[in-house]
Amino acid sequence: ASPLVTLDKVNKWFGDLQALVDVDLTVDRGEVLVVVGPSGSG
């Protein structure tokens, strides 16, 4: 039940490019989370 990883409102900039925008995410213990998306999506 308790997440192993928690991201709360995470932001990351590379100069003028914002690579991560208010990312909220949890990963549970024993979970496999696959992150997909177009190239350059962060």
All heavy atoms as atom14 arrays in JSON, in Angstrom:
{
  "sequence": "ASPLVTLDKVNKWFGDLQALVDVDLTVDRGEVLVVVGPSGSG",
  "atom14_mask": [
    [1, 1, 1, 1, 1, 0, 0, 0, 0, 0, 0, 0, 0, 0],
    [1, 1, 1, 1, 1, 1, 0, 0, 0, 0, 0, 0, 0, 0],
    [1, 1, 1, 1, 1, 1, 1, 0, 0, 0, 0, 0, 0, 0],
    [1, 1, 1, 1, 1, 1, 1, 1, 0, 0, 0, 0, 0, 0],
    [1, 1, 1, 1, 1, 1, 1, 0, 0, 0, 0, 0, 0, 0],
    [1, 1, 1, 1, 1, 1, 1, 0, 0, 0, 0, 0, 0, 0],
    [1, 1, 1, 1, 1, 1, 1, 1, 0, 0, 0, 0, 0, 0],
    [1, 1, 1, 1, 1, 1, 1, 1, 0, 0, 0, 0, 0, 0],
    [1, 1, 1, 1, 1, 1, 1, 1, 1, 0, 0, 0, 0, 0],
    [1, 1, 1, 1, 1, 1, 1, 0, 0, 0, 0, 0, 0, 0],
    [1, 1, 1, 1, 1, 1, 1, 1, 0, 0, 0, 0, 0, 0],
    [1, 1, 1, 1, 1, 1, 1, 1, 1, 0, 0, 0, 0, 0],
    [1, 1, 1, 1, 1, 1, 1, 1, 1, 1, 1, 1, 1, 1],
    [1, 1, 1, 1, 1, 1, 1, 1, 1, 1, 1, 0, 0, 0],
    [1, 1, 1, 1, 0, 0, 0, 0, 0, 0, 0, 0, 0, 0],
    [1, 1, 1, 1, 1, 1, 1, 1, 0, 0, 0, 0, 0, 0],
    [1, 1, 1, 1, 1, 1, 1, 1, 0, 0, 0, 0, 0, 0],
    [1, 1, 1, 1, 1, 1, 1, 1, 1, 0, 0, 0, 0, 0],
    [1, 1, 1, 1, 1, 0, 0, 0, 0, 0, 0, 0, 0, 0],
    [1, 1, 1, 1, 1, 1, 1, 1, 0, 0, 0, 0, 0, 0],
    [1, 1, 1, 1, 1, 1, 1, 0, 0, 0, 0, 0, 0, 0],
    [1, 1, 1, 1, 1, 1, 1, 1, 0, 0, 0, 0, 0, 0],
    [1, 1, 1, 1, 1, 1, 1, 0, 0, 0, 0, 0, 0, 0],
    [1, 1, 1, 1, 1, 1, 1, 1, 0, 0, 0, 0, 0, 0],
    [1, 1, 1, 1, 1, 1, 1, 1, 0, 0, 0, 0, 0, 0],
    [1, 1, 1, 1, 1, 1, 1, 0, 0, 0, 0, 0, 0, 0],
    [1, 1, 1, 1, 1, 1, 1, 0, 0, 0, 0, 0, 0, 0],
    [1, 1, 1, 1, 1, 1, 1, 1, 0, 0, 0, 0, 0, 0],
    [1, 1, 1, 1, 1, 1, 1, 1, 1, 1, 1, 0, 0, 0],
    [1, 1, 1, 1, 0, 0, 0, 0, 0, 0, 0, 0, 0, 0],
    [1, 1, 1, 1, 1, 1, 1, 1, 1, 0, 0, 0, 0, 0],
    [1, 1, 1, 1, 1, 1, 1, 0, 0, 0, 0, 0, 0, 0],
    [1, 1, 1, 1, 1, 1, 1, 1, 0, 0, 0, 0, 0, 0],
    [1, 1, 1, 1, 1, 1, 1, 0, 0, 0, 0, 0, 0, 0],
    [1, 1, 1, 1, 1, 1, 1, 0, 0, 0, 0, 0, 0, 0],
    [1, 1, 1, 1, 1, 1, 1, 0, 0, 0, 0, 0, 0, 0],
    [1, 1, 1, 1, 0, 0, 0, 0, 0, 0, 0, 0, 0, 0],
    [1, 1, 1, 1, 1, 1, 1, 0, 0, 0, 0, 0, 0, 0],
    [1, 1, 1, 1, 1, 1, 0, 0, 0, 0, 0, 0, 0, 0],
    [1, 1, 1, 1, 0, 0, 0, 0, 0, 0, 0, 0, 0, 0],
    [1, 1, 1, 1, 1, 1, 0, 0, 0, 0, 0, 0, 0, 0],
    [1, 1, 1, 1, 0, 0, 0, 0, 0, 0, 0, 0, 0, 0]
  ],
  "atom14_positions": [
    [[0.81, -1.22, 0.0], [0.0, 0.0, 0.0], [0.84, 1.27, 0.0], [0.48, 2.26, -0.63], [-0.93, -0.01, 1.2], [0.0, 0.0, 0.0], [0.0, 0.0, 0.0], [0.0, 0.0, 0.0], [0.0, 0.0, 0.0], [0.0, 0.0, 0.0], [0.0, 0.0, 0.0], [0.0, 0.0, 0.0], [0.0, 0.0, 0.0], [0.0, 0.0, 0.0]],
    [[1.96, 1.29, 0.72], [2.72, 2.54, 0.85], [3.69, 2.7, -0.32], [4.45, 1.78, -0.62], [3.5, 2.55, 2.17], [4.4, 1.46, 2.21], [0.0, 0.0, 0.0], [0.0, 0.0, 0.0], [0.0, 0.0, 0.0], [0.0, 0.0, 0.0], [0.0, 0.0, 0.0], [0.0, 0.0, 0.0], [0.0, 0.0, 0.0], [0.0, 0.0, 0.0]],
    [[3.68, 3.86, -0.99], [4.58, 4.05, -2.13], [6.05, 3.99, -1.72], [6.42, 4.45, -0.63], [4.21, 5.44, -2.64], [2.86, 5.74, -2.09], [2.81, 5.02, -0.78], [0.0, 0.0, 0.0], [0.0, 0.0, 0.0], [0.0, 0.0, 0.0], [0.0, 0.0, 0.0], [0.0, 0.0, 0.0], [0.0, 0.0, 0.0], [0.0, 0.0, 0.0]],
    [[6.87, 3.44, -2.58], [8.31, 3.47, -2.36], [8.89, 4.8, -2.83], [9.82, 5.34, -2.24], [8.99, 2.31, -3.09], [10.5, 2.22, -2.95], [10.89, 1.87, -1.52], [11.08, 1.18, -3.9], [0.0, 0.0, 0.0], [0.0, 0.0, 0.0], [0.0, 0.0, 0.0], [0.0, 0.0, 0.0], [0.0, 0.0, 0.0], [0.0, 0.0, 0.0]],
    [[8.33, 5.32, -3.91], [8.81, 6.57, -4.51], [7.63, 7.53, -4.65], [6.56, 7.14, -5.11], [9.42, 6.33, -5.91], [9.99, 7.64, -6.48], [10.5, 5.26, -5.86], [0.0, 0.0, 0.0], [0.0, 0.0, 0.0], [0.0, 0.0, 0.0], [0.0, 0.0, 0.0], [0.0, 0.0, 0.0], [0.0, 0.0, 0.0], [0.0, 0.0, 0.0]],
    [[7.85, 8.78, -4.25], [6.84, 9.82, -4.42], [7.49, 11.07, -5.0], [8.47, 11.58, -4.45], [6.18, 10.18, -3.07], [5.58, 9.01, -2.5], [5.11, 11.24, -3.26], [0.0, 0.0, 0.0], [0.0, 0.0, 0.0], [0.0, 0.0, 0.0], [0.0, 0.0, 0.0], [0.0, 0.0, 0.0], [0.0, 0.0, 0.0], [0.0, 0.0, 0.0]],
    [[6.96, 11.52, -6.12], [7.37, 12.8, -6.71], [6.22, 13.78, -6.51], [5.07, 13.47, -6.85], [7.67, 12.67, -8.2], [8.97, 11.94, -8.59], [8.79, 10.43, -8.52], [9.43, 12.36, -9.98], [0.0, 0.0, 0.0], [0.0, 0.0, 0.0], [0.0, 0.0, 0.0], [0.0, 0.0, 0.0], [0.0, 0.0, 0.0], [0.0, 0.0, 0.0]],
    [[6.55, 14.96, -5.96], [5.52, 15.95, -5.64], [5.91, 17.29, -6.28], [6.9, 17.9, -5.91], [5.4, 16.1, -4.12], [4.29, 17.06, -3.71], [3.32, 17.22, -4.46], [4.42, 17.67, -2.63], [0.0, 0.0, 0.0], [0.0, 0.0, 0.0], [0.0, 0.0, 0.0], [0.0, 0.0, 0.0], [0.0, 0.0, 0.0], [0.0, 0.0, 0.0]],
    [[5.12, 17.69, -7.3], [5.3, 18.99, -7.97], [6.75, 19.21, -8.41], [7.35, 20.26, -8.15], [4.87, 20.13, -7.04], [3.38, 20.11, -6.69], [2.52, 20.47, -7.9], [1.04, 20.55, -7.56], [0.46, 19.22, -7.24], [0.0, 0.0, 0.0], [0.0, 0.0, 0.0], [0.0, 0.0, 0.0], [0.0, 0.0, 0.0], [0.0, 0.0, 0.0]],
    [[7.31, 18.22, -9.1], [8.71, 18.28, -9.52], [8.84, 19.07, -10.82], [8.14, 18.79, -11.81], [9.3, 16.86, -9.69], [10.66, 16.91, -10.35], [9.39, 16.18, -8.32], [0.0, 0.0, 0.0], [0.0, 0.0, 0.0], [0.0, 0.0, 0.0], [0.0, 0.0, 0.0], [0.0, 0.0, 0.0], [0.0, 0.0, 0.0], [0.0, 0.0, 0.0]],
    [[9.72, 20.04, -10.81], [10.0, 20.85, -12.0], [11.5, 20.84, -12.3], [12.32, 20.83, -11.39], [9.55, 22.3, -11.78], [8.04, 22.44, -11.75], [7.4, 22.51, -12.79], [7.47, 22.46, -10.55], [0.0, 0.0, 0.0], [0.0, 0.0, 0.0], [0.0, 0.0, 0.0], [0.0, 0.0, 0.0], [0.0, 0.0, 0.0], [0.0, 0.0, 0.0]],
    [[11.82, 20.84, -13.58], [13.21, 20.84, -14.02], [13.34, 21.69, -15.29], [12.56, 21.5, -16.24], [13.68, 19.4, -14.31], [15.03, 19.28, -15.01], [16.17, 19.75, -14.13], [17.51, 19.63, -14.87], [18.63, 20.12, -14.03], [0.0, 0.0, 0.0], [0.0, 0.0, 0.0], [0.0, 0.0, 0.0], [0.0, 0.0, 0.0], [0.0, 0.0, 0.0]],
    [[14.29, 22.59, -15.28], [14.54, 23.45, -16.44], [15.93, 23.16, -17.0], [16.87, 22.91, -16.25], [14.48, 24.92, -16.04], [13.13, 25.4, -15.62], [12.55, 25.25, -14.38], [12.18, 26.11, -16.41], [11.31, 25.82, -14.36], [11.05, 26.36, -15.6], [12.18, 26.57, -17.75], [9.93, 27.05, -16.07], [11.07, 27.25, -18.2], [9.96, 27.48, -17.39]],
    [[16.06, 23.23, -18.31], [17.35, 23.3, -18.99], [17.35, 24.63, -19.74], [16.82, 24.73, -20.85], [17.54, 22.14, -19.96], [17.66, 20.79, -19.32], [16.63, 19.88, -19.38], [18.83, 20.43, -18.65], [16.74, 18.64, -18.79], [18.95, 19.18, -18.05], [17.9, 18.28, -18.12], [0.0, 0.0, 0.0], [0.0, 0.0, 0.0], [0.0, 0.0, 0.0]],
    [[17.91, 25.67, -19.11], [17.83, 26.99, -19.73], [16.38, 27.43, -19.83], [15.65, 27.49, -18.83], [0.0, 0.0, 0.0], [0.0, 0.0, 0.0], [0.0, 0.0, 0.0], [0.0, 0.0, 0.0], [0.0, 0.0, 0.0], [0.0, 0.0, 0.0], [0.0, 0.0, 0.0], [0.0, 0.0, 0.0], [0.0, 0.0, 0.0], [0.0, 0.0, 0.0]],
    [[15.94, 27.74, -21.05], [14.56, 28.18, -21.27], [13.59, 27.02, -21.46], [12.37, 27.24, -21.56], [14.48, 29.09, -22.5], [15.23, 30.41, -22.3], [15.34, 30.84, -21.13], [15.72, 30.98, -23.29], [0.0, 0.0, 0.0], [0.0, 0.0, 0.0], [0.0, 0.0, 0.0], [0.0, 0.0, 0.0], [0.0, 0.0, 0.0], [0.0, 0.0, 0.0]],
    [[14.12, 25.8, -21.53], [13.26, 24.63, -21.76], [12.87, 24.0, -20.43], [13.73, 23.63, -19.63], [14.0, 23.59, -22.62], [13.29, 22.23, -22.77], [12.02, 22.38, -23.6], [14.23, 21.21, -23.39], [0.0, 0.0, 0.0], [0.0, 0.0, 0.0], [0.0, 0.0, 0.0], [0.0, 0.0, 0.0], [0.0, 0.0, 0.0], [0.0, 0.0, 0.0]],
    [[11.58, 23.87, -20.2], [11.11, 23.17, -19.01], [10.92, 21.71, -19.34], [10.0, 21.34, -20.07], [9.82, 23.79, -18.46], [9.47, 23.22, -17.09], [8.37, 23.98, -16.37], [7.79, 24.9, -16.93], [8.09, 23.6, -15.13], [0.0, 0.0, 0.0], [0.0, 0.0, 0.0], [0.0, 0.0, 0.0], [0.0, 0.0, 0.0], [0.0, 0.0, 0.0]],
    [[11.8, 20.86, -18.79], [11.8, 19.43, -19.12], [10.81, 18.65, -18.27], [10.28, 17.62, -18.72], [13.2, 18.85, -18.94], [0.0, 0.0, 0.0], [0.0, 0.0, 0.0], [0.0, 0.0, 0.0], [0.0, 0.0, 0.0], [0.0, 0.0, 0.0], [0.0, 0.0, 0.0], [0.0, 0.0, 0.0], [0.0, 0.0, 0.0], [0.0, 0.0, 0.0]],
    [[10.56, 19.09, -17.04], [9.56, 18.46, -16.16], [8.66, 19.56, -15.62], [9.14, 20.58, -15.1], [10.23, 17.73, -14.99], [11.16, 16.56, -15.34], [11.81, 16.0, -14.08], [10.42, 15.46, -16.09], [0.0, 0.0, 0.0], [0.0, 0.0, 0.0], [0.0, 0.0, 0.0], [0.0, 0.0, 0.0], [0.0, 0.0, 0.0], [0.0, 0.0, 0.0]],
    [[7.34, 19.34, -15.75], [6.36, 20.37, -15.39], [5.41, 19.82, -14.32], [4.55, 18.98, -14.61], [5.55, 20.82, -16.63], [4.58, 21.94, -16.25], [6.47, 21.26, -17.77], [0.0, 0.0, 0.0], [0.0, 0.0, 0.0], [0.0, 0.0, 0.0], [0.0, 0.0, 0.0], [0.0, 0.0, 0.0], [0.0, 0.0, 0.0], [0.0, 0.0, 0.0]],
    [[5.61, 20.27, -13.09], [4.71, 19.9, -11.97], [4.39, 18.41, -11.95], [3.23, 18.0, -11.89], [3.41, 20.7, -12.05], [3.59, 22.15, -11.63], [4.53, 22.43, -10.86], [2.8, 23.01, -12.08], [0.0, 0.0, 0.0], [0.0, 0.0, 0.0], [0.0, 0.0, 0.0], [0.0, 0.0, 0.0], [0.0, 0.0, 0.0], [0.0, 0.0, 0.0]],
    [[5.43, 17.59, -11.98], [5.23, 16.14, -12.04], [4.85, 15.6, -10.67], [5.59, 15.75, -9.7], [6.5, 15.43, -12.57], [6.37, 13.92, -12.42], [6.74, 15.8, -14.03], [0.0, 0.0, 0.0], [0.0, 0.0, 0.0], [0.0, 0.0, 0.0], [0.0, 0.0, 0.0], [0.0, 0.0, 0.0], [0.0, 0.0, 0.0], [0.0, 0.0, 0.0]],
    [[3.69, 14.97, -10.61], [3.24, 14.23, -9.43], [3.16, 12.76, -9.83], [2.5, 12.42, -10.81], [1.85, 14.69, -8.97], [1.86, 16.09, -8.39], [2.88, 16.48, -7.8], [0.84, 16.8, -8.53], [0.0, 0.0, 0.0], [0.0, 0.0, 0.0], [0.0, 0.0, 0.0], [0.0, 0.0, 0.0], [0.0, 0.0, 0.0], [0.0, 0.0, 0.0]],
    [[3.82, 11.9, -9.07], [3.85, 10.48, -9.43], [4.22, 9.66, -8.21], [5.03, 10.09, -7.38], [4.89, 10.26, -10.55], [4.92, 8.92, -11.25], [3.63, 8.68, -12.04], [6.12, 8.84, -12.19], [0.0, 0.0, 0.0], [0.0, 0.0, 0.0], [0.0, 0.0, 0.0], [0.0, 0.0, 0.0], [0.0, 0.0, 0.0], [0.0, 0.0, 0.0]],
    [[3.64, 8.48, -8.09], [4.05, 7.53, -7.06], [4.39, 6.2, -7.71], [3.87, 5.86, -8.78], [2.95, 7.3, -6.01], [1.79, 6.76, -6.67], [2.59, 8.57, -5.28], [0.0, 0.0, 0.0], [0.0, 0.0, 0.0], [0.0, 0.0, 0.0], [0.0, 0.0, 0.0], [0.0, 0.0, 0.0], [0.0, 0.0, 0.0], [0.0, 0.0, 0.0]],
    [[5.3, 5.47, -7.07], [5.65, 4.11, -7.49], [5.54, 3.23, -6.25], [6.24, 3.46, -5.26], [7.08, 4.03, -8.07], [7.35, 2.62, -8.58], [7.29, 5.07, -9.17], [0.0, 0.0, 0.0], [0.0, 0.0, 0.0], [0.0, 0.0, 0.0], [0.0, 0.0, 0.0], [0.0, 0.0, 0.0], [0.0, 0.0, 0.0], [0.0, 0.0, 0.0]],
    [[4.67, 2.25, -6.31], [4.47, 1.36, -5.16], [5.59, 0.33, -5.07], [6.26, 0.02, -6.07], [3.13, 0.63, -5.28], [1.95, 1.55, -5.1], [2.11, 2.6, -4.45], [0.85, 1.22, -5.6], [0.0, 0.0, 0.0], [0.0, 0.0, 0.0], [0.0, 0.0, 0.0], [0.0, 0.0, 0.0], [0.0, 0.0, 0.0], [0.0, 0.0, 0.0]],
    [[5.77, -0.21, -3.88], [6.73, -1.3, -3.69], [6.26, -2.5, -4.51], [5.1, -2.89, -4.45], [6.82, -1.68, -2.22], [7.29, -0.56, -1.33], [7.1, -0.88, 0.15], [7.12, 0.36, 0.93], [8.24, 0.94, 1.36], [9.41, 0.36, 1.12], [8.2, 2.07, 2.03], [0.0, 0.0, 0.0], [0.0, 0.0, 0.0], [0.0, 0.0, 0.0]],
    [[7.18, -3.08, -5.27], [6.84, -4.23, -6.09], [6.19, -3.89, -7.41], [5.86, -4.77, -8.19], [0.0, 0.0, 0.0], [0.0, 0.0, 0.0], [0.0, 0.0, 0.0], [0.0, 0.0, 0.0], [0.0, 0.0, 0.0], [0.0, 0.0, 0.0], [0.0, 0.0, 0.0], [0.0, 0.0, 0.0], [0.0, 0.0, 0.0], [0.0, 0.0, 0.0]],
    [[6.03, -2.6, -7.69], [5.36, -2.18, -8.92], [6.35, -2.03, -10.06], [7.51, -1.64, -9.87], [4.64, -0.85, -8.7], [4.0, -0.31, -9.98], [3.19, 0.96, -9.76], [3.47, 1.7, -8.8], [2.27, 1.2, -10.56], [0.0, 0.0, 0.0], [0.0, 0.0, 0.0], [0.0, 0.0, 0.0], [0.0, 0.0, 0.0], [0.0, 0.0, 0.0]],
    [[5.89, -2.31, -11.28], [6.63, -1.97, -12.49], [5.86, -0.84, -13.17], [4.72, -1.02, -13.61], [6.77, -3.18, -13.44], [7.51, -2.77, -14.7], [7.49, -4.32, -12.74], [0.0, 0.0, 0.0], [0.0, 0.0, 0.0], [0.0, 0.0, 0.0], [0.0, 0.0, 0.0], [0.0, 0.0, 0.0], [0.0, 0.0, 0.0], [0.0, 0.0, 0.0]],
    [[6.49, 0.33, -13.22], [5.92, 1.48, -13.9], [6.72, 1.71, -15.17], [7.94, 1.92, -15.11], [5.99, 2.72, -13.01], [5.46, 4.01, -13.64], [3.93, 4.02, -13.65], [5.99, 5.24, -12.91], [0.0, 0.0, 0.0], [0.0, 0.0, 0.0], [0.0, 0.0, 0.0], [0.0, 0.0, 0.0], [0.0, 0.0, 0.0], [0.0, 0.0, 0.0]],
    [[6.06, 1.66, -16.32], [6.73, 1.92, -17.6], [6.33, 3.31, -18.07], [5.14, 3.63, -18.15], [6.37, 0.85, -18.65], [7.05, 1.17, -19.98], [6.8, -0.54, -18.17], [0.0, 0.0, 0.0], [0.0, 0.0, 0.0], [0.0, 0.0, 0.0], [0.0, 0.0, 0.0], [0.0, 0.0, 0.0], [0.0, 0.0, 0.0], [0.0, 0.0, 0.0]],
    [[7.34, 4.13, -18.36], [7.12, 5.51, -18.79], [7.3, 5.57, -20.3], [8.37, 5.2, -20.83], [8.09, 6.47, -18.09], [7.79, 7.92, -18.47], [8.04, 6.29, -16.57], [0.0, 0.0, 0.0], [0.0, 0.0, 0.0], [0.0, 0.0, 0.0], [0.0, 0.0, 0.0], [0.0, 0.0, 0.0], [0.0, 0.0, 0.0], [0.0, 0.0, 0.0]],
    [[6.27, 6.02, -21.01], [6.3, 6.09, -22.47], [5.95, 7.51, -22.89], [5.42, 8.31, -22.11], [5.33, 5.08, -23.12], [5.65, 3.66, -22.67], [3.87, 5.42, -22.82], [0.0, 0.0, 0.0], [0.0, 0.0, 0.0], [0.0, 0.0, 0.0], [0.0, 0.0, 0.0], [0.0, 0.0, 0.0], [0.0, 0.0, 0.0], [0.0, 0.0, 0.0]],
    [[6.22, 7.8, -24.16], [5.9, 9.1, -24.71], [6.83, 9.43, -25.85], [7.82, 8.72, -26.1], [0.0, 0.0, 0.0], [0.0, 0.0, 0.0], [0.0, 0.0, 0.0], [0.0, 0.0, 0.0], [0.0, 0.0, 0.0], [0.0, 0.0, 0.0], [0.0, 0.0, 0.0], [0.0, 0.0, 0.0], [0.0, 0.0, 0.0], [0.0, 0.0, 0.0]],
    [[6.55, 10.51, -26.57], [7.39, 10.88, -27.71], [8.78, 11.31, -27.28], [9.01, 11.63, -26.1], [6.62, 12.04, -28.35], [5.77, 12.59, -27.26], [5.41, 11.43, -26.39], [0.0, 0.0, 0.0], [0.0, 0.0, 0.0], [0.0, 0.0, 0.0], [0.0, 0.0, 0.0], [0.0, 0.0, 0.0], [0.0, 0.0, 0.0], [0.0, 0.0, 0.0]],
    [[9.71, 11.31, -28.21], [11.07, 11.8, -27.92], [11.01, 13.24, -27.44], [10.23, 14.05, -27.97], [11.94, 11.7, -29.17], [12.11, 10.36, -29.56], [0.0, 0.0, 0.0], [0.0, 0.0, 0.0], [0.0, 0.0, 0.0], [0.0, 0.0, 0.0], [0.0, 0.0, 0.0], [0.0, 0.0, 0.0], [0.0, 0.0, 0.0], [0.0, 0.0, 0.0]],
    [[11.81, 13.54, -26.43], [11.84, 14.9, -25.9], [10.72, 15.23, -24.94], [10.55, 16.4, -24.55], [0.0, 0.0, 0.0], [0.0, 0.0, 0.0], [0.0, 0.0, 0.0], [0.0, 0.0, 0.0], [0.0, 0.0, 0.0], [0.0, 0.0, 0.0], [0.0, 0.0, 0.0], [0.0, 0.0, 0.0], [0.0, 0.0, 0.0], [0.0, 0.0, 0.0]],
    [[9.99, 14.21, -24.5], [8.84, 14.47, -23.61], [9.24, 14.56, -22.14], [8.41, 14.9, -21.3], [7.77, 13.4, -23.8], [8.29, 12.11, -23.5], [0.0, 0.0, 0.0], [0.0, 0.0, 0.0], [0.0, 0.0, 0.0], [0.0, 0.0, 0.0], [0.0, 0.0, 0.0], [0.0, 0.0, 0.0], [0.0, 0.0, 0.0], [0.0, 0.0, 0.0]],
    [[10.49, 14.24, -21.81], [10.96, 14.33, -20.43], [11.13, 13.01, -19.73], [11.43, 12.96, -18.53], [0.0, 0.0, 0.0], [0.0, 0.0, 0.0], [0.0, 0.0, 0.0], [0.0, 0.0, 0.0], [0.0, 0.0, 0.0], [0.0, 0.0, 0.0], [0.0, 0.0, 0.0], [0.0, 0.0, 0.0], [0.0, 0.0, 0.0], [0.0, 0.0, 0.0]]
  ]
}
